[in-house]
Amino acid sequence: MSIKALIAIFVSVTILASAAHARSSVPIINHENLPTVSAVGKAVSSEQVKQAIVMAATSKGWTTTLDQSGAIVATLIVRNKHTISVTIPYVEDKFSVIYRDSTNMNYSNGVIHPHYNSWVQNLVTAIRSELSRR
């Protein structure tokens, strides 16, 4: 390999690495006390809310468990590289999606990799959609 080729590879790798680090962290958006709304506006039970959350999370690739308080813990692993975990407390008339933990997401003092908020927003949208079918 020529010296010019090696320099070109080095420059390319440096530029790509800089672009990857250029993504600045953003504040975490927690979704708190979101109303549970059914298709016809009727009340839903806490069990129906739980089922809707689990079905929505599963449909988006999240795994779910229950914590000691009865809240749902949802975890998403992206490309075996990034992991995010949220706590989803719920009752009949509302639910929340709150940051819990992450790996490889550059979390520090309430800010995180910009994809976190979009992945969580997709989960919230799926939960609302699933609730609207009740």
C-alpha atoms as a PDB file:
ATOM      1  CA  MET A   1       0.000   0.000   0.000  1.00  0.00           C
ATOM      2  CA  SER A   2       1.387   3.404  -0.929  1.00  0.00           C
ATOM      3  CA  ILE A   3       1.989   6.211   1.502  1.00  0.00           C
ATOM      4  CA  LYS A   4      -0.737   8.266  -0.224  1.00  0.00           C
ATOM      5  CA  ALA A   5      -3.243   5.450   0.316  1.00  0.00           C
ATOM      6  CA  LEU A   6      -2.301   5.177   3.997  1.00  0.00           C
ATOM      7  CA  ILE A   7      -2.662   8.930   4.451  1.00  0.00           C
ATOM      8  CA  ALA A   8      -6.045   8.860   2.708  1.00  0.00           C
ATOM      9  CA  ILE A   9      -7.237   6.052   5.007  1.00  0.00           C
ATOM     10  CA  PHE A  10      -5.966   7.896   8.090  1.00  0.00           C
ATOM     11  CA  VAL A  11      -7.711  11.113   7.073  1.00  0.00           C
ATOM     12  CA  SER A  12     -10.961   9.247   6.318  1.00  0.00           C
ATOM     13  CA  VAL A  13     -10.952   7.461   9.665  1.00  0.00           C
ATOM     14  CA  THR A  14     -10.188  10.715  11.488  1.00  0.00           C
ATOM     15  CA  ILE A  15     -13.065  12.522   9.752  1.00  0.00           C
ATOM     16  CA  LEU A  16     -15.504   9.692  10.484  1.00  0.00           C
ATOM     17  CA  ALA A  17     -14.438   9.531  14.122  1.00  0.00           C
ATOM     18  CA  SER A  18     -14.878  13.297  14.462  1.00  0.00           C
ATOM     19  CA  ALA A  19     -18.360  13.119  12.945  1.00  0.00           C
ATOM     20  CA  ALA A  20     -19.354  10.379  15.376  1.00  0.00           C
ATOM     21  CA  HIS A  21     -18.233  12.492  18.322  1.00  0.00           C
ATOM     22  CA  ALA A  22     -19.851  15.616  16.889  1.00  0.00           C
ATOM     23  CA  ARG A  23     -23.306  14.479  17.990  1.00  0.00           C
ATOM     24  CA  SER A  24     -23.834  16.456  21.109  1.00  0.00           C
ATOM     25  CA  SER A  25     -25.814  15.102  23.996  1.00  0.00           C
ATOM     26  CA  VAL A  26     -29.354  16.323  24.601  1.00  0.00           C
ATOM     27  CA  PRO A  27     -31.426  16.630  27.784  1.00  0.00           C
ATOM     28  CA  ILE A  28     -33.397  13.508  28.658  1.00  0.00           C
ATOM     29  CA  ILE A  29     -37.117  13.904  28.092  1.00  0.00           C
ATOM     30  CA  ASN A  30     -39.199  12.038  30.647  1.00  0.00           C
ATOM     31  CA  HIS A  31     -42.863  11.536  29.757  1.00  0.00           C
ATOM     32  CA  GLU A  32     -44.827  11.936  32.954  1.00  0.00           C
ATOM     33  CA  ASN A  33     -48.501  11.452  33.809  1.00  0.00           C
ATOM     34  CA  LEU A  34     -49.668  10.847  30.256  1.00  0.00           C
ATOM     35  CA  PRO A  35     -53.415  10.152  30.156  1.00  0.00           C
ATOM     36  CA  THR A  36     -54.610   6.709  29.174  1.00  0.00           C
ATOM     37  CA  VAL A  37     -57.211   7.165  26.468  1.00  0.00           C
ATOM     38  CA  SER A  38     -59.244   4.379  24.910  1.00  0.00           C
ATOM     39  CA  ALA A  39     -60.743   4.483  21.422  1.00  0.00           C
ATOM     40  CA  VAL A  40     -64.182   5.459  22.662  1.00  0.00           C
ATOM     41  CA  GLY A  41     -63.036   7.533  25.604  1.00  0.00           C
ATOM     42  CA  LYS A  42     -64.076   4.933  28.158  1.00  0.00           C
ATOM     43  CA  ALA A  43     -62.061   4.184  31.270  1.00  0.00           C
ATOM     44  CA  VAL A  44     -59.529   1.378  31.124  1.00  0.00           C
ATOM     45  CA  SER A  45     -58.426  -0.841  33.985  1.00  0.00           C
ATOM     46  CA  SER A  46     -54.877  -0.875  35.280  1.00  0.00           C
ATOM     47  CA  GLU A  47     -54.574  -4.427  33.898  1.00  0.00           C
ATOM     48  CA  GLN A  48     -55.543  -3.170  30.423  1.00  0.00           C
ATOM     49  CA  VAL A  49     -52.966  -0.390  30.727  1.00  0.00           C
ATOM     50  CA  LYS A  50     -50.332  -2.940  31.728  1.00  0.00           C
ATOM     51  CA  GLN A  51     -51.218  -5.192  28.784  1.00  0.00           C
ATOM     52  CA  ALA A  52     -51.112  -2.252  26.371  1.00  0.00           C
ATOM     53  CA  ILE A  53     -47.681  -1.176  27.616  1.00  0.00           C
ATOM     54  CA  VAL A  54     -46.245  -4.694  27.360  1.00  0.00           C
ATOM     55  CA  MET A  55     -47.713  -5.266  23.886  1.00  0.00           C
ATOM     56  CA  ALA A  56     -46.504  -1.891  22.606  1.00  0.00           C
ATOM     57  CA  ALA A  57     -43.020  -2.350  24.045  1.00  0.00           C
ATOM     58  CA  THR A  58     -42.701  -5.857  22.616  1.00  0.00           C
ATOM     59  CA  SER A  59     -43.852  -4.665  19.194  1.00  0.00           C
ATOM     60  CA  LYS A  60     -41.004  -2.103  19.181  1.00  0.00           C
ATOM     61  CA  GLY A  61     -38.305  -4.588  20.267  1.00  0.00           C
ATOM     62  CA  TRP A  62     -38.247  -3.747  23.974  1.00  0.00           C
ATOM     63  CA  THR A  63     -38.205  -6.437  26.671  1.00  0.00           C
ATOM     64  CA  THR A  64     -40.282  -5.930  29.787  1.00  0.00           C
ATOM     65  CA  THR A  65     -40.183  -7.020  33.423  1.00  0.00           C
ATOM     66  CA  LEU A  66     -41.894  -5.824  36.597  1.00  0.00           C
ATOM     67  CA  ASP A  67     -39.941  -4.080  39.341  1.00  0.00           C
ATOM     68  CA  GLN A  68     -40.663  -4.404  43.062  1.00  0.00           C
ATOM     69  CA  SER A  69     -43.173  -1.550  43.018  1.00  0.00           C
ATOM     70  CA  GLY A  70     -45.163  -3.160  40.188  1.00  0.00           C
ATOM     71  CA  ALA A  71     -43.978  -0.692  37.556  1.00  0.00           C
ATOM     72  CA  ILE A  72     -42.856  -2.046  34.201  1.00  0.00           C
ATOM     73  CA  VAL A  73     -39.163  -1.871  33.357  1.00  0.00           C
ATOM     74  CA  ALA A  74     -38.614  -1.792  29.595  1.00  0.00           C
ATOM     75  CA  THR A  75     -35.197  -2.346  28.036  1.00  0.00           C
ATOM     76  CA  LEU A  76     -34.103  -1.788  24.453  1.00  0.00           C
ATOM     77  CA  ILE A  77     -30.834  -3.118  23.027  1.00  0.00           C
ATOM     78  CA  VAL A  78     -29.827  -1.533  19.723  1.00  0.00           C
ATOM     79  CA  ARG A  79     -27.284  -3.282  17.477  1.00  0.00           C
ATOM     80  CA  ASN A  80     -25.805  -5.041  20.523  1.00  0.00           C
ATOM     81  CA  LYS A  81     -24.083  -1.744  21.222  1.00  0.00           C
ATOM     82  CA  HIS A  82     -26.525   0.608  22.955  1.00  0.00           C
ATOM     83  CA  THR A  83     -28.842  -0.305  25.839  1.00  0.00           C
ATOM     84  CA  ILE A  84     -31.499   1.901  27.369  1.00  0.00           C
ATOM     85  CA  SER A  85     -33.850   1.113  30.199  1.00  0.00           C
ATOM     86  CA  VAL A  86     -36.931   3.013  31.360  1.00  0.00           C
ATOM     87  CA  THR A  87     -39.356   2.630  34.236  1.00  0.00           C
ATOM     88  CA  ILE A  88     -43.043   2.809  33.333  1.00  0.00           C
ATOM     89  CA  PRO A  89     -45.286   3.347  36.356  1.00  0.00           C
ATOM     90  CA  TYR A  90     -48.985   3.192  35.507  1.00  0.00           C
ATOM     91  CA  VAL A  91     -52.490   3.320  36.942  1.00  0.00           C
ATOM     92  CA  GLU A  92     -55.918   3.297  35.300  1.00  0.00           C
ATOM     93  CA  ASP A  93     -55.844   6.882  34.079  1.00  0.00           C
ATOM     94  CA  LYS A  94     -52.164   7.644  33.438  1.00  0.00           C
ATOM     95  CA  PHE A  95     -48.693   6.303  32.795  1.00  0.00           C
ATOM     96  CA  SER A  96     -45.160   7.685  32.730  1.00  0.00           C
ATOM     97  CA  VAL A  97     -41.947   6.702  30.952  1.00  0.00           C
ATOM     98  CA  ILE A  98     -38.908   7.657  33.048  1.00  0.00           C
ATOM     99  CA  TYR A  99     -35.176   7.198  32.324  1.00  0.00           C
ATOM    100  CA  ARG A 100     -33.707   4.370  34.394  1.00  0.00           C
ATOM    101  CA  ASP A 101     -30.293   3.409  32.997  1.00  0.00           C
ATOM    102  CA  SER A 102     -28.222   3.169  29.837  1.00  0.00           C
ATOM    103  CA  THR A 103     -25.044   1.721  28.375  1.00  0.00           C
ATOM    104  CA  ASN A 104     -22.974   3.346  25.616  1.00  0.00           C
ATOM    105  CA  MET A 105     -25.322   6.339  25.459  1.00  0.00           C
ATOM    106  CA  ASN A 106     -22.951   8.996  26.842  1.00  0.00           C
ATOM    107  CA  TYR A 107     -25.241   9.672  29.812  1.00  0.00           C
ATOM    108  CA  SER A 108     -24.026  12.403  32.151  1.00  0.00           C
ATOM    109  CA  ASN A 109     -25.992  14.656  34.495  1.00  0.00           C
ATOM    110  CA  GLY A 110     -29.337  14.394  32.731  1.00  0.00           C
ATOM    111  CA  VAL A 111     -28.065  14.550  29.155  1.00  0.00           C
ATOM    112  CA  ILE A 112     -27.713  11.635  26.759  1.00  0.00           C
ATOM    113  CA  HIS A 113     -27.110  10.551  23.159  1.00  0.00           C
ATOM    114  CA  PRO A 114     -29.723  12.192  20.890  1.00  0.00           C
ATOM    115  CA  HIS A 115     -31.219   8.880  19.731  1.00  0.00           C
ATOM    116  CA  TYR A 116     -32.445   8.089  23.257  1.00  0.00           C
ATOM    117  CA  ASN A 117     -35.342  10.550  23.113  1.00  0.00           C
ATOM    118  CA  SER A 118     -36.497   9.326  19.692  1.00  0.00           C
ATOM    119  CA  TRP A 119     -36.440   5.668  20.775  1.00  0.00           C
ATOM    120  CA  VAL A 120     -38.461   6.536  23.882  1.00  0.00           C
ATOM    121  CA  GLN A 121     -40.863   8.714  21.866  1.00  0.00           C
ATOM    122  CA  ASN A 122     -41.479   5.730  19.549  1.00  0.00           C
ATOM    123  CA  LEU A 123     -42.322   3.648  22.628  1.00  0.00           C
ATOM    124  CA  VAL A 124     -44.717   6.308  23.980  1.00  0.00           C
ATOM    125  CA  THR A 125     -46.429   6.559  20.580  1.00  0.00           C
ATOM    126  CA  ALA A 126     -46.808   2.766  20.437  1.00  0.00           C
ATOM    127  CA  ILE A 127     -48.297   2.684  23.960  1.00  0.00           C
ATOM    128  CA  ARG A 128     -50.810   5.396  23.079  1.00  0.00           C
ATOM    129  CA  SER A 129     -51.723   3.549  19.901  1.00  0.00           C
ATOM    130  CA  GLU A 130     -52.218   0.295  21.767  1.00  0.00           C
ATOM    131  CA  LEU A 131     -54.344   2.028  24.414  1.00  0.00           C
ATOM    132  CA  SER A 132     -56.542   3.542  21.712  1.00  0.00           C
ATOM    133  CA  ARG A 133     -57.509  -0.006  20.671  1.00  0.00           C
ATOM    134  CA  ARG A 134     -59.003  -0.760  24.079  1.00  0.00           C
END
